[in-house]
């Protein structure tokens, strides 16, 4: 199994460590990168969502919080986190 997963989110490329996804096993990201769903561990995983906001979702998974730029809507990032199956999000 790969130690890095490649995501293409809305045309933006990301590389995400397996260890980060393993810390959040109930998320959609962990499930779609699992051996059950991902037959070729080196293949890029396409997600049809906003690629610019995906970085904030990754930061939330890493740190449990995120600092948004003034041009990024908090509600949109919360909606993205829900889409990716991130539970118990601190909306503060």
PDB file of N, CA and C in Angstrom:
ATOM      1  N   UNK A   1       0.845  -1.184   0.000  1.00  0.00           N
ATOM      2  CA  UNK A   1       0.000   0.000   0.000  1.00  0.00           C
ATOM      3  C   UNK A   1       0.887   1.243   0.000  1.00  0.00           C
ATOM      4  N   UNK A   2       0.440   2.247  -0.677  1.00  0.00           N
ATOM      5  CA  UNK A   2       1.210   3.483  -0.813  1.00  0.00           C
ATOM      6  C   UNK A   2       1.305   4.227   0.520  1.00  0.00           C
ATOM      7  N   UNK A   3       2.399   4.969   0.683  1.00  0.00           N
ATOM      8  CA  UNK A   3       2.527   5.805   1.878  1.00  0.00           C
ATOM      9  C   UNK A   3       2.074   7.234   1.586  1.00  0.00           C
ATOM     10  N   UNK A   4       1.892   7.550   0.308  1.00  0.00           N
ATOM     11  CA  UNK A   4       1.401   8.856  -0.130  1.00  0.00           C
ATOM     12  C   UNK A   4       0.267   8.613  -1.117  1.00  0.00           C
ATOM     13  N   UNK A   5      -0.815   9.355  -0.953  1.00  0.00           N
ATOM     14  CA  UNK A   5      -1.926   9.278  -1.894  1.00  0.00           C
ATOM     15  C   UNK A   5      -2.000  10.579  -2.668  1.00  0.00           C
ATOM     16  N   UNK A   6      -2.307  10.464  -3.937  1.00  0.00           N
ATOM     17  CA  UNK A   6      -2.410  11.618  -4.819  1.00  0.00           C
ATOM     18  C   UNK A   6      -3.879  11.907  -5.088  1.00  0.00           C
ATOM     19  N   UNK A   7      -4.275  13.110  -4.733  1.00  0.00           N
ATOM     20  CA  UNK A   7      -5.645  13.549  -4.963  1.00  0.00           C
ATOM     21  C   UNK A   7      -5.637  14.670  -5.995  1.00  0.00           C
ATOM     22  N   UNK A   8      -6.621  14.625  -6.871  1.00  0.00           N
ATOM     23  CA  UNK A   8      -6.885  15.707  -7.804  1.00  0.00           C
ATOM     24  C   UNK A   8      -8.258  16.230  -7.408  1.00  0.00           C
ATOM     25  N   UNK A   9      -8.262  17.374  -6.765  1.00  0.00           N
ATOM     26  CA  UNK A   9      -9.519  17.938  -6.274  1.00  0.00           C
ATOM     27  C   UNK A   9      -9.833  19.171  -7.119  1.00  0.00           C
ATOM     28  N   UNK A  10     -10.836  19.033  -7.957  1.00  0.00           N
ATOM     29  CA  UNK A  10     -11.229  20.147  -8.815  1.00  0.00           C
ATOM     30  C   UNK A  10     -10.103  20.670  -9.681  1.00  0.00           C
ATOM     31  N   UNK A  11      -9.179  19.795 -10.051  1.00  0.00           N
ATOM     32  CA  UNK A  11      -8.063  20.200 -10.908  1.00  0.00           C
ATOM     33  C   UNK A  11      -6.779  20.550 -10.164  1.00  0.00           C
ATOM     34  N   UNK A  12      -6.850  20.687  -8.857  1.00  0.00           N
ATOM     35  CA  UNK A  12      -5.647  20.958  -8.057  1.00  0.00           C
ATOM     36  C   UNK A  12      -5.100  19.656  -7.512  1.00  0.00           C
ATOM     37  N   UNK A  13      -3.798  19.508  -7.579  1.00  0.00           N
ATOM     38  CA  UNK A  13      -3.125  18.273  -7.166  1.00  0.00           C
ATOM     39  C   UNK A  13      -2.639  18.388  -5.718  1.00  0.00           C
ATOM     40  N   UNK A  14      -2.864  17.321  -4.978  1.00  0.00           N
ATOM     41  CA  UNK A  14      -2.429  17.235  -3.584  1.00  0.00           C
ATOM     42  C   UNK A  14      -1.803  15.875  -3.350  1.00  0.00           C
ATOM     43  N   UNK A  15      -0.820  15.840  -2.493  1.00  0.00           N
ATOM     44  CA  UNK A  15      -0.265  14.588  -2.013  1.00  0.00           C
ATOM     45  C   UNK A  15      -0.492  14.542  -0.516  1.00  0.00           C
ATOM     46  N   UNK A  16      -1.093  13.451  -0.061  1.00  0.00           N
ATOM     47  CA  UNK A  16      -1.496  13.328   1.337  1.00  0.00           C
ATOM     48  C   UNK A  16      -0.902  12.042   1.902  1.00  0.00           C
ATOM     49  N   UNK A  17      -0.327  12.141   3.084  1.00  0.00           N
ATOM     50  CA  UNK A  17       0.302  10.967   3.684  1.00  0.00           C
ATOM     51  C   UNK A  17      -0.746   9.965   4.164  1.00  0.00           C
ATOM     52  N   UNK A  18      -0.397   8.716   4.042  1.00  0.00           N
ATOM     53  CA  UNK A  18      -1.262   7.636   4.529  1.00  0.00           C
ATOM     54  C   UNK A  18      -1.485   7.794   6.027  1.00  0.00           C
ATOM     55  N   UNK A  19      -0.456   8.225   6.743  1.00  0.00           N
ATOM     56  CA  UNK A  19      -0.575   8.350   8.199  1.00  0.00           C
ATOM     57  C   UNK A  19      -1.629   9.388   8.586  1.00  0.00           C
ATOM     58  N   UNK A  20      -1.759  10.465   7.817  1.00  0.00           N
ATOM     59  CA  UNK A  20      -2.796  11.462   8.114  1.00  0.00           C
ATOM     60  C   UNK A  20      -4.177  10.847   7.917  1.00  0.00           C
ATOM     61  N   UNK A  21      -4.354  10.125   6.834  1.00  0.00           N
ATOM     62  CA  UNK A  21      -5.654   9.511   6.573  1.00  0.00           C
ATOM     63  C   UNK A  21      -5.981   8.432   7.598  1.00  0.00           C
ATOM     64  N   UNK A  22      -4.964   7.708   8.054  1.00  0.00           N
ATOM     65  CA  UNK A  22      -5.193   6.672   9.069  1.00  0.00           C
ATOM     66  C   UNK A  22      -5.632   7.264  10.402  1.00  0.00           C
ATOM     67  N   UNK A  23      -5.291   8.517  10.657  1.00  0.00           N
ATOM     68  CA  UNK A  23      -5.733   9.187  11.889  1.00  0.00           C
ATOM     69  C   UNK A  23      -7.222   9.513  11.846  1.00  0.00           C
ATOM     70  N   UNK A  24      -7.807   9.462  10.645  1.00  0.00           N
ATOM     71  CA  UNK A  24      -9.218   9.810  10.448  1.00  0.00           C
ATOM     72  C   UNK A  24      -9.889   8.723   9.606  1.00  0.00           C
ATOM     73  N   UNK A  25      -9.976   7.513  10.144  1.00  0.00           N
ATOM     74  CA  UNK A  25     -10.434   6.370   9.345  1.00  0.00           C
ATOM     75  C   UNK A  25     -11.896   6.428   8.905  1.00  0.00           C
ATOM     76  N   UNK A  26     -12.710   7.229   9.550  1.00  0.00           N
ATOM     77  CA  UNK A  26     -14.128   7.283   9.197  1.00  0.00           C
ATOM     78  C   UNK A  26     -14.452   8.339   8.144  1.00  0.00           C
ATOM     79  N   UNK A  27     -13.435   9.043   7.664  1.00  0.00           N
ATOM     80  CA  UNK A  27     -13.684  10.064   6.648  1.00  0.00           C
ATOM     81  C   UNK A  27     -13.790   9.430   5.274  1.00  0.00           C
ATOM     82  N   UNK A  28     -14.434  10.140   4.384  1.00  0.00           N
ATOM     83  CA  UNK A  28     -14.538   9.695   3.005  1.00  0.00           C
ATOM     84  C   UNK A  28     -13.154   9.584   2.376  1.00  0.00           C
ATOM     85  N   UNK A  29     -12.249  10.457   2.731  1.00  0.00           N
ATOM     86  CA  UNK A  29     -10.899  10.426   2.159  1.00  0.00           C
ATOM     87  C   UNK A  29     -10.174   9.136   2.519  1.00  0.00           C
ATOM     88  N   UNK A  30     -10.301   8.706   3.761  1.00  0.00           N
ATOM     89  CA  UNK A  30      -9.667   7.453   4.180  1.00  0.00           C
ATOM     90  C   UNK A  30     -10.309   6.269   3.473  1.00  0.00           C
ATOM     91  N   UNK A  31     -11.614   6.299   3.337  1.00  0.00           N
ATOM     92  CA  UNK A  31     -12.305   5.176   2.695  1.00  0.00           C
ATOM     93  C   UNK A  31     -11.954   5.051   1.215  1.00  0.00           C
ATOM     94  N   UNK A  32     -11.944   6.176   0.473  1.00  0.00           N
ATOM     95  CA  UNK A  32     -11.682   6.070  -0.963  1.00  0.00           C
ATOM     96  C   UNK A  32     -10.216   5.789  -1.267  1.00  0.00           C
ATOM     97  N   UNK A  33      -9.345   5.969  -0.301  1.00  0.00           N
ATOM     98  CA  UNK A  33      -7.934   5.645  -0.525  1.00  0.00           C
ATOM     99  C   UNK A  33      -7.577   4.255   0.022  1.00  0.00           C
ATOM    100  N   UNK A  34      -8.553   3.576   0.595  1.00  0.00           N
ATOM    101  CA  UNK A  34      -8.298   2.252   1.156  1.00  0.00           C
ATOM    102  C   UNK A  34      -8.116   1.218   0.050  1.00  0.00           C
ATOM    103  N   UNK A  35      -7.556   0.086   0.400  1.00  0.00           N
ATOM    104  CA  UNK A  35      -7.340  -0.997  -0.561  1.00  0.00           C
ATOM    105  C   UNK A  35      -8.662  -1.490  -1.145  1.00  0.00           C
ATOM    106  N   UNK A  36      -9.722  -1.383  -0.373  1.00  0.00           N
ATOM    107  CA  UNK A  36     -11.034  -1.824  -0.846  1.00  0.00           C
ATOM    108  C   UNK A  36     -11.486  -1.011  -2.066  1.00  0.00           C
ATOM    109  N   UNK A  37     -11.211   0.287  -2.048  1.00  0.00           N
ATOM    110  CA  UNK A  37     -11.670   1.174  -3.120  1.00  0.00           C
ATOM    111  C   UNK A  37     -10.590   1.478  -4.142  1.00  0.00           C
ATOM    112  N   UNK A  38      -9.355   1.540  -3.695  1.00  0.00           N
ATOM    113  CA  UNK A  38      -8.253   1.983  -4.544  1.00  0.00           C
ATOM    114  C   UNK A  38      -7.412   0.786  -4.961  1.00  0.00           C
ATOM    115  N   UNK A  39      -7.714   0.225  -6.113  1.00  0.00           N
ATOM    116  CA  UNK A  39      -7.015  -0.978  -6.581  1.00  0.00           C
ATOM    117  C   UNK A  39      -5.566  -0.685  -6.956  1.00  0.00           C
ATOM    118  N   UNK A  40      -5.302   0.507  -7.509  1.00  0.00           N
ATOM    119  CA  UNK A  40      -3.942   0.907  -7.859  1.00  0.00           C
ATOM    120  C   UNK A  40      -3.511   2.009  -6.899  1.00  0.00           C
ATOM    121  N   UNK A  41      -2.668   1.684  -5.917  1.00  0.00           N
ATOM    122  CA  UNK A  41      -2.303   2.668  -4.896  1.00  0.00           C
ATOM    123  C   UNK A  41      -1.543   3.878  -5.432  1.00  0.00           C
ATOM    124  N   UNK A  42      -1.037   3.788  -6.647  1.00  0.00           N
ATOM    125  CA  UNK A  42      -0.308   4.922  -7.226  1.00  0.00           C
ATOM    126  C   UNK A  42      -1.199   5.800  -8.096  1.00  0.00           C
ATOM    127  N   UNK A  43      -2.427   5.362  -8.308  1.00  0.00           N
ATOM    128  CA  UNK A  43      -3.351   6.123  -9.161  1.00  0.00           C
ATOM    129  C   UNK A  43      -3.829   7.384  -8.446  1.00  0.00           C
ATOM    130  N   UNK A  44      -4.058   8.397  -9.243  1.00  0.00           N
ATOM    131  CA  UNK A  44      -4.591   9.650  -8.714  1.00  0.00           C
ATOM    132  C   UNK A  44      -6.079   9.478  -8.439  1.00  0.00           C
ATOM    133  N   UNK A  45      -6.524  10.030  -7.320  1.00  0.00           N
ATOM    134  CA  UNK A  45      -7.932   9.950  -6.922  1.00  0.00           C
ATOM    135  C   UNK A  45      -8.577  11.296  -7.239  1.00  0.00           C
ATOM    136  N   UNK A  46      -9.557  11.278  -8.133  1.00  0.00           N
ATOM    137  CA  UNK A  46     -10.236  12.515  -8.509  1.00  0.00           C
ATOM    138  C   UNK A  46     -11.448  12.748  -7.625  1.00  0.00           C
ATOM    139  N   UNK A  47     -11.565  13.983  -7.137  1.00  0.00           N
ATOM    140  CA  UNK A  47     -12.734  14.403  -6.352  1.00  0.00           C
ATOM    141  C   UNK A  47     -13.260  15.679  -6.981  1.00  0.00           C
ATOM    142  N   UNK A  48     -14.523  15.667  -7.332  1.00  0.00           N
ATOM    143  CA  UNK A  48     -15.147  16.801  -8.006  1.00  0.00           C
ATOM    144  C   UNK A  48     -15.669  17.808  -6.972  1.00  0.00           C
ATOM    145  N   UNK A  49     -14.724  18.492  -6.354  1.00  0.00           N
ATOM    146  CA  UNK A  49     -15.041  19.519  -5.354  1.00  0.00           C
ATOM    147  C   UNK A  49     -14.087  20.697  -5.544  1.00  0.00           C
ATOM    148  N   UNK A  50     -14.261  21.739  -4.758  1.00  0.00           N
ATOM    149  CA  UNK A  50     -13.420  22.931  -4.849  1.00  0.00           C
ATOM    150  C   UNK A  50     -11.986  22.604  -4.426  1.00  0.00           C
ATOM    151  N   UNK A  51     -11.071  22.691  -5.352  1.00  0.00           N
ATOM    152  CA  UNK A  51      -9.679  22.356  -5.083  1.00  0.00           C
ATOM    153  C   UNK A  51      -8.960  23.357  -4.210  1.00  0.00           C
ATOM    154  N   UNK A  52      -9.365  24.615  -4.268  1.00  0.00           N
ATOM    155  CA  UNK A  52      -8.707  25.632  -3.449  1.00  0.00           C
ATOM    156  C   UNK A  52      -9.028  25.458  -1.963  1.00  0.00           C
ATOM    157  N   UNK A  53     -10.275  25.087  -1.657  1.00  0.00           N
ATOM    158  CA  UNK A  53     -10.655  24.941  -0.247  1.00  0.00           C
ATOM    159  C   UNK A  53     -10.172  23.625   0.358  1.00  0.00           C
ATOM    160  N   UNK A  54      -9.808  22.667  -0.467  1.00  0.00           N
ATOM    161  CA  UNK A  54      -9.364  21.364   0.043  1.00  0.00           C
ATOM    162  C   UNK A  54      -8.175  21.509   0.991  1.00  0.00           C
ATOM    163  N   UNK A  55      -7.318  22.480   0.748  1.00  0.00           N
ATOM    164  CA  UNK A  55      -6.165  22.686   1.626  1.00  0.00           C
ATOM    165  C   UNK A  55      -6.591  22.978   3.060  1.00  0.00           C
ATOM    166  N   UNK A  56      -7.718  23.665   3.228  1.00  0.00           N
ATOM    167  CA  UNK A  56      -8.212  23.969   4.565  1.00  0.00           C
ATOM    168  C   UNK A  56      -8.751  22.708   5.252  1.00  0.00           C
ATOM    169  N   UNK A  57      -9.338  21.834   4.467  1.00  0.00           N
ATOM    170  CA  UNK A  57      -9.825  20.563   5.016  1.00  0.00           C
ATOM    171  C   UNK A  57      -8.644  19.721   5.498  1.00  0.00           C
ATOM    172  N   UNK A  58      -7.573  19.690   4.726  1.00  0.00           N
ATOM    173  CA  UNK A  58      -6.381  18.963   5.149  1.00  0.00           C
ATOM    174  C   UNK A  58      -5.785  19.577   6.410  1.00  0.00           C
ATOM    175  N   UNK A  59      -5.749  20.904   6.468  1.00  0.00           N
ATOM    176  CA  UNK A  59      -5.245  21.558   7.684  1.00  0.00           C
ATOM    177  C   UNK A  59      -6.092  21.192   8.890  1.00  0.00           C
ATOM    178  N   UNK A  60      -7.407  21.120   8.703  1.00  0.00           N
ATOM    179  CA  UNK A  60      -8.275  20.739   9.816  1.00  0.00           C
ATOM    180  C   UNK A  60      -7.958  19.317  10.281  1.00  0.00           C
ATOM    181  N   UNK A  61      -7.731  18.415   9.339  1.00  0.00           N
ATOM    182  CA  UNK A  61      -7.379  17.041   9.709  1.00  0.00           C
ATOM    183  C   UNK A  61      -6.035  17.001  10.437  1.00  0.00           C
ATOM    184  N   UNK A  62      -5.106  17.830  10.024  1.00  0.00           N
ATOM    185  CA  UNK A  62      -3.773  17.842  10.642  1.00  0.00           C
ATOM    186  C   UNK A  62      -3.781  18.455  12.039  1.00  0.00           C
ATOM    187  N   UNK A  63      -4.451  19.594  12.176  1.00  0.00           N
ATOM    188  CA  UNK A  63      -4.311  20.403  13.387  1.00  0.00           C
ATOM    189  C   UNK A  63      -5.565  20.520  14.243  1.00  0.00           C
ATOM    190  N   UNK A  64      -6.712  20.115  13.715  1.00  0.00           N
ATOM    191  CA  UNK A  64      -7.954  20.244  14.467  1.00  0.00           C
ATOM    192  C   UNK A  64      -8.537  21.640  14.442  1.00  0.00           C
ATOM    193  N   UNK A  65      -7.911  22.508  13.674  1.00  0.00           N
ATOM    194  CA  UNK A  65      -8.414  23.870  13.486  1.00  0.00           C
ATOM    195  C   UNK A  65      -7.820  24.397  12.184  1.00  0.00           C
ATOM    196  N   UNK A  66      -8.331  25.523  11.752  1.00  0.00           N
ATOM    197  CA  UNK A  66      -7.839  26.104  10.505  1.00  0.00           C
ATOM    198  C   UNK A  66      -7.966  27.616  10.581  1.00  0.00           C
ATOM    199  N   UNK A  67      -7.033  28.299   9.965  1.00  0.00           N
ATOM    200  CA  UNK A  67      -7.086  29.757   9.867  1.00  0.00           C
ATOM    201  C   UNK A  67      -7.440  30.091   8.427  1.00  0.00           C
ATOM    202  N   UNK A  68      -8.595  30.701   8.248  1.00  0.00           N
ATOM    203  CA  UNK A  68      -9.082  31.019   6.909  1.00  0.00           C
ATOM    204  C   UNK A  68      -8.642  32.408   6.481  1.00  0.00           C
ATOM    205  N   UNK A  69      -8.363  32.548   5.202  1.00  0.00           N
ATOM    206  CA  UNK A  69      -8.134  33.873   4.636  1.00  0.00           C
ATOM    207  C   UNK A  69      -9.476  34.591   4.590  1.00  0.00           C
ATOM    208  N   UNK A  70      -9.460  35.904   4.575  1.00  0.00           N
ATOM    209  CA  UNK A  70     -10.715  36.662   4.597  1.00  0.00           C
ATOM    210  C   UNK A  70     -11.563  36.402   3.357  1.00  0.00           C
ATOM    211  N   UNK A  71     -10.965  35.907   2.306  1.00  0.00           N
ATOM    212  CA  UNK A  71     -11.702  35.647   1.061  1.00  0.00           C
ATOM    213  C   UNK A  71     -12.353  34.262   1.028  1.00  0.00           C
ATOM    214  N   UNK A  72     -12.170  33.474   2.081  1.00  0.00           N
ATOM    215  CA  UNK A  72     -12.705  32.112   2.131  1.00  0.00           C
ATOM    216  C   UNK A  72     -13.863  32.073   3.122  1.00  0.00           C
ATOM    217  N   UNK A  73     -15.005  31.626   2.667  1.00  0.00           N
ATOM    218  CA  UNK A  73     -16.198  31.574   3.514  1.00  0.00           C
ATOM    219  C   UNK A  73     -16.125  30.385   4.474  1.00  0.00           C
ATOM    220  N   UNK A  74     -16.294  30.672   5.753  1.00  0.00           N
ATOM    221  CA  UNK A  74     -16.282  29.625   6.774  1.00  0.00           C
ATOM    222  C   UNK A  74     -17.359  28.579   6.496  1.00  0.00           C
ATOM    223  N   UNK A  75     -18.529  29.038   6.100  1.00  0.00           N
ATOM    224  CA  UNK A  75     -19.638  28.121   5.828  1.00  0.00           C
ATOM    225  C   UNK A  75     -19.274  27.135   4.709  1.00  0.00           C
ATOM    226  N   UNK A  76     -18.555  27.593   3.703  1.00  0.00           N
ATOM    227  CA  UNK A  76     -18.152  26.727   2.592  1.00  0.00           C
ATOM    228  C   UNK A  76     -17.176  25.655   3.061  1.00  0.00           C
ATOM    229  N   UNK A  77     -16.244  26.023   3.921  1.00  0.00           N
ATOM    230  CA  UNK A  77     -15.278  25.043   4.438  1.00  0.00           C
ATOM    231  C   UNK A  77     -15.989  24.039   5.344  1.00  0.00           C
ATOM    232  N   UNK A  78     -16.920  24.496   6.160  1.00  0.00           N
ATOM    233  CA  UNK A  78     -17.702  23.577   6.994  1.00  0.00           C
ATOM    234  C   UNK A  78     -18.499  22.601   6.126  1.00  0.00           C
ATOM    235  N   UNK A  79     -19.035  23.105   5.040  1.00  0.00           N
ATOM    236  CA  UNK A  79     -19.773  22.245   4.103  1.00  0.00           C
ATOM    237  C   UNK A  79     -18.824  21.209   3.487  1.00  0.00           C
ATOM    238  N   UNK A  80     -17.612  21.621   3.128  1.00  0.00           N
ATOM    239  CA  UNK A  80     -16.620  20.694   2.580  1.00  0.00           C
ATOM    240  C   UNK A  80     -16.248  19.626   3.603  1.00  0.00           C
ATOM    241  N   UNK A  81     -16.025  20.033   4.844  1.00  0.00           N
ATOM    242  CA  UNK A  81     -15.669  19.070   5.888  1.00  0.00           C
ATOM    243  C   UNK A  81     -16.778  18.028   6.065  1.00  0.00           C
ATOM    244  N   UNK A  82     -18.026  18.477   5.989  1.00  0.00           N
ATOM    245  CA  UNK A  82     -19.148  17.539   6.085  1.00  0.00           C
ATOM    246  C   UNK A  82     -19.146  16.589   4.886  1.00  0.00           C
ATOM    247  N   UNK A  83     -18.878  17.117   3.701  1.00  0.00           N
ATOM    248  CA  UNK A  83     -18.825  16.284   2.495  1.00  0.00           C
ATOM    249  C   UNK A  83     -17.764  15.190   2.639  1.00  0.00           C
ATOM    250  N   UNK A  84     -16.624  15.552   3.192  1.00  0.00           N
ATOM    251  CA  UNK A  84     -15.519  14.590   3.354  1.00  0.00           C
ATOM    252  C   UNK A  84     -15.704  13.662   4.561  1.00  0.00           C
ATOM    253  N   UNK A  85     -16.803  13.848   5.279  1.00  0.00           N
ATOM    254  CA  UNK A  85     -17.126  12.952   6.378  1.00  0.00           C
ATOM    255  C   UNK A  85     -16.368  13.239   7.662  1.00  0.00           C
ATOM    256  N   UNK A  86     -15.896  14.445   7.821  1.00  0.00           N
ATOM    257  CA  UNK A  86     -15.203  14.824   9.054  1.00  0.00           C
ATOM    258  C   UNK A  86     -16.272  15.130  10.098  1.00  0.00           C
ATOM    259  N   UNK A  87     -16.228  14.391  11.195  1.00  0.00           N
ATOM    260  CA  UNK A  87     -17.254  14.531  12.231  1.00  0.00           C
ATOM    261  C   UNK A  87     -16.754  15.355  13.400  1.00  0.00           C
ATOM    262  N   UNK A  88     -17.687  15.817  14.210  1.00  0.00           N
ATOM    263  CA  UNK A  88     -17.389  16.571  15.431  1.00  0.00           C
ATOM    264  C   UNK A  88     -16.507  17.784  15.152  1.00  0.00           C
ATOM    265  N   UNK A  89     -16.855  18.524  14.114  1.00  0.00           N
ATOM    266  CA  UNK A  89     -16.092  19.715  13.731  1.00  0.00           C
ATOM    267  C   UNK A  89     -16.371  20.837  14.723  1.00  0.00           C
ATOM    268  N   UNK A  90     -15.306  21.433  15.249  1.00  0.00           N
ATOM    269  CA  UNK A  90     -15.422  22.586  16.119  1.00  0.00           C
ATOM    270  C   UNK A  90     -15.652  23.810  15.241  1.00  0.00           C
ATOM    271  N   UNK A  91     -16.845  24.346  15.274  1.00  0.00           N
ATOM    272  CA  UNK A  91     -17.199  25.470  14.408  1.00  0.00           C
ATOM    273  C   UNK A  91     -16.776  26.817  14.959  1.00  0.00           C
ATOM    274  N   UNK A  92     -16.079  26.812  16.084  1.00  0.00           N
ATOM    275  CA  UNK A  92     -15.668  28.063  16.737  1.00  0.00           C
ATOM    276  C   UNK A  92     -14.631  28.797  16.068  1.00  0.00           C
TER     277      UNK A  92
END
